[in-house]
Amino acid sequence: MICVKTVFLARAGDVVGKHIHGFELPEGATLRDLIKEIGEKLSRRFYEGVMTGRLVFAIFVNGKPVDELDYRLKDGDRVVFTTPEMGG
């Protein structure tokens, strides 16, 4: 098992209803697995929105942007979901 800390900022926190949560995932888990777990434990709306593209969040793992849902997580990773910056 691996332990991952998730942080939900801005709109992500509004959708999930909390800002910090820890998850235990099986060894070899990916961002996709984490998002599924978020849907099962915290917010089905978050999971369905992300997977269908209705909700778009910038994702950072240990401070680095990640855009591949097949990104493999490691024990102790910190995953941040936040609203992407918009120009204008």
C-alpha atoms as a PDB file:
ATOM      1  CA  MET A   1       0.000   0.000   0.000  1.00  0.00           C
ATOM      2  CA  ILE A   2       1.031   3.598  -0.596  1.00  0.00           C
ATOM      3  CA  CYS A   3      -0.181   6.724   1.215  1.00  0.00           C
ATOM      4  CA  VAL A   4      -0.965   9.801  -0.858  1.00  0.00           C
ATOM      5  CA  LYS A   5      -1.959  13.233   0.464  1.00  0.00           C
ATOM      6  CA  THR A   6      -4.421  15.136  -1.708  1.00  0.00           C
ATOM      7  CA  VAL A   7      -5.031  18.872  -1.590  1.00  0.00           C
ATOM      8  CA  PHE A   8      -8.100  20.405  -3.245  1.00  0.00           C
ATOM      9  CA  LEU A   9      -7.759  24.128  -3.952  1.00  0.00           C
ATOM     10  CA  ALA A  10     -10.216  26.679  -5.368  1.00  0.00           C
ATOM     11  CA  ARG A  11     -13.113  25.056  -7.280  1.00  0.00           C
ATOM     12  CA  ALA A  12     -11.770  21.540  -6.615  1.00  0.00           C
ATOM     13  CA  GLY A  13     -12.254  22.118  -2.882  1.00  0.00           C
ATOM     14  CA  ASP A  14     -15.783  23.375  -3.505  1.00  0.00           C
ATOM     15  CA  VAL A  15     -16.702  20.288  -5.541  1.00  0.00           C
ATOM     16  CA  VAL A  16     -15.161  17.799  -3.105  1.00  0.00           C
ATOM     17  CA  GLY A  17     -16.288  19.597   0.040  1.00  0.00           C
ATOM     18  CA  LYS A  18     -12.914  19.493   1.770  1.00  0.00           C
ATOM     19  CA  HIS A  19      -9.411  20.722   1.136  1.00  0.00           C
ATOM     20  CA  ILE A  20      -7.076  17.989   2.400  1.00  0.00           C
ATOM     21  CA  HIS A  21      -7.517  14.225   2.500  1.00  0.00           C
ATOM     22  CA  GLY A  22      -5.204  11.236   2.704  1.00  0.00           C
ATOM     23  CA  PHE A  23      -5.698   8.055   0.712  1.00  0.00           C
ATOM     24  CA  GLU A  24      -4.223   4.576   0.912  1.00  0.00           C
ATOM     25  CA  LEU A  25      -3.889   3.025  -2.524  1.00  0.00           C
ATOM     26  CA  PRO A  26      -2.440  -0.248  -3.777  1.00  0.00           C
ATOM     27  CA  GLU A  27       1.175  -0.321  -4.921  1.00  0.00           C
ATOM     28  CA  GLY A  28       1.352   0.784  -8.575  1.00  0.00           C
ATOM     29  CA  ALA A  29      -1.734   3.026  -8.362  1.00  0.00           C
ATOM     30  CA  THR A  30      -2.114   5.810 -10.921  1.00  0.00           C
ATOM     31  CA  LEU A  31      -3.730   9.233 -10.901  1.00  0.00           C
ATOM     32  CA  ARG A  32      -6.742   7.596 -12.553  1.00  0.00           C
ATOM     33  CA  ASP A  33      -6.991   5.204  -9.580  1.00  0.00           C
ATOM     34  CA  LEU A  34      -6.763   8.123  -7.167  1.00  0.00           C
ATOM     35  CA  ILE A  35      -9.511  10.033  -8.984  1.00  0.00           C
ATOM     36  CA  LYS A  36     -11.719   6.932  -8.852  1.00  0.00           C
ATOM     37  CA  GLU A  37     -11.054   6.643  -5.106  1.00  0.00           C
ATOM     38  CA  ILE A  38     -11.952  10.318  -4.651  1.00  0.00           C
ATOM     39  CA  GLY A  39     -15.234   9.592  -6.421  1.00  0.00           C
ATOM     40  CA  GLU A  40     -15.992   6.617  -4.193  1.00  0.00           C
ATOM     41  CA  LYS A  41     -15.017   8.211  -0.885  1.00  0.00           C
ATOM     42  CA  LEU A  42     -15.575  11.963  -1.283  1.00  0.00           C
ATOM     43  CA  SER A  43     -17.401  13.152  -4.391  1.00  0.00           C
ATOM     44  CA  ARG A  44     -18.984  11.223  -7.241  1.00  0.00           C
ATOM     45  CA  ARG A  45     -19.442  14.587  -8.985  1.00  0.00           C
ATOM     46  CA  PHE A  46     -15.664  15.190  -8.946  1.00  0.00           C
ATOM     47  CA  TYR A  47     -14.939  11.753 -10.464  1.00  0.00           C
ATOM     48  CA  GLU A  48     -17.610  11.950 -13.161  1.00  0.00           C
ATOM     49  CA  GLY A  49     -16.735  15.561 -14.010  1.00  0.00           C
ATOM     50  CA  VAL A  50     -13.014  14.876 -14.407  1.00  0.00           C
ATOM     51  CA  MET A  51     -13.488  11.651 -16.362  1.00  0.00           C
ATOM     52  CA  THR A  52     -15.993  13.197 -18.798  1.00  0.00           C
ATOM     53  CA  GLY A  53     -14.057  16.452 -19.190  1.00  0.00           C
ATOM     54  CA  ARG A  54     -16.832  18.612 -17.689  1.00  0.00           C
ATOM     55  CA  LEU A  55     -14.503  19.561 -14.815  1.00  0.00           C
ATOM     56  CA  VAL A  56     -10.944  20.520 -15.666  1.00  0.00           C
ATOM     57  CA  PHE A  57      -8.309  20.880 -12.976  1.00  0.00           C
ATOM     58  CA  ALA A  58      -4.587  21.475 -13.072  1.00  0.00           C
ATOM     59  CA  ILE A  59      -2.912  18.548 -11.294  1.00  0.00           C
ATOM     60  CA  PHE A  60       0.440  18.789  -9.547  1.00  0.00           C
ATOM     61  CA  VAL A  61       2.352  15.890  -8.009  1.00  0.00           C
ATOM     62  CA  ASN A  62       5.002  17.053  -5.563  1.00  0.00           C
ATOM     63  CA  GLY A  63       4.849  20.530  -7.106  1.00  0.00           C
ATOM     64  CA  LYS A  64       5.270  19.422 -10.736  1.00  0.00           C
ATOM     65  CA  PRO A  65       2.429  19.598 -13.273  1.00  0.00           C
ATOM     66  CA  VAL A  66       1.135  16.223 -14.459  1.00  0.00           C
ATOM     67  CA  ASP A  67      -1.410  15.768 -17.232  1.00  0.00           C
ATOM     68  CA  GLU A  68      -1.315  11.987 -17.713  1.00  0.00           C
ATOM     69  CA  LEU A  69      -3.915  10.032 -15.759  1.00  0.00           C
ATOM     70  CA  ASP A  70      -1.710   6.941 -16.081  1.00  0.00           C
ATOM     71  CA  TYR A  71       1.022   8.671 -14.036  1.00  0.00           C
ATOM     72  CA  ARG A  72       2.140   6.166 -11.389  1.00  0.00           C
ATOM     73  CA  LEU A  73       1.989   7.460  -7.819  1.00  0.00           C
ATOM     74  CA  LYS A  74       4.521   6.703  -5.094  1.00  0.00           C
ATOM     75  CA  ASP A  75       4.270   6.476  -1.330  1.00  0.00           C
ATOM     76  CA  GLY A  76       4.305   9.946   0.220  1.00  0.00           C
ATOM     77  CA  ASP A  77       3.264  11.817  -2.934  1.00  0.00           C
ATOM     78  CA  ARG A  78       1.358  15.083  -2.505  1.00  0.00           C
ATOM     79  CA  VAL A  79      -1.256  15.562  -5.234  1.00  0.00           C
ATOM     80  CA  VAL A  80      -2.844  18.988  -5.690  1.00  0.00           C
ATOM     81  CA  PHE A  81      -5.983  19.628  -7.748  1.00  0.00           C
ATOM     82  CA  THR A  82      -6.682  23.285  -8.541  1.00  0.00           C
ATOM     83  CA  THR A  83      -8.469  25.448 -11.061  1.00  0.00           C
ATOM     84  CA  PRO A  84      -6.214  26.094 -14.067  1.00  0.00           C
ATOM     85  CA  GLU A  85      -5.110  29.673 -14.614  1.00  0.00           C
ATOM     86  CA  MET A  86      -7.042  31.463 -17.296  1.00  0.00           C
ATOM     87  CA  GLY A  87      -5.816  34.319 -19.433  1.00  0.00           C
ATOM     88  CA  GLY A  88      -7.873  37.221 -20.507  1.00  0.00           C
END
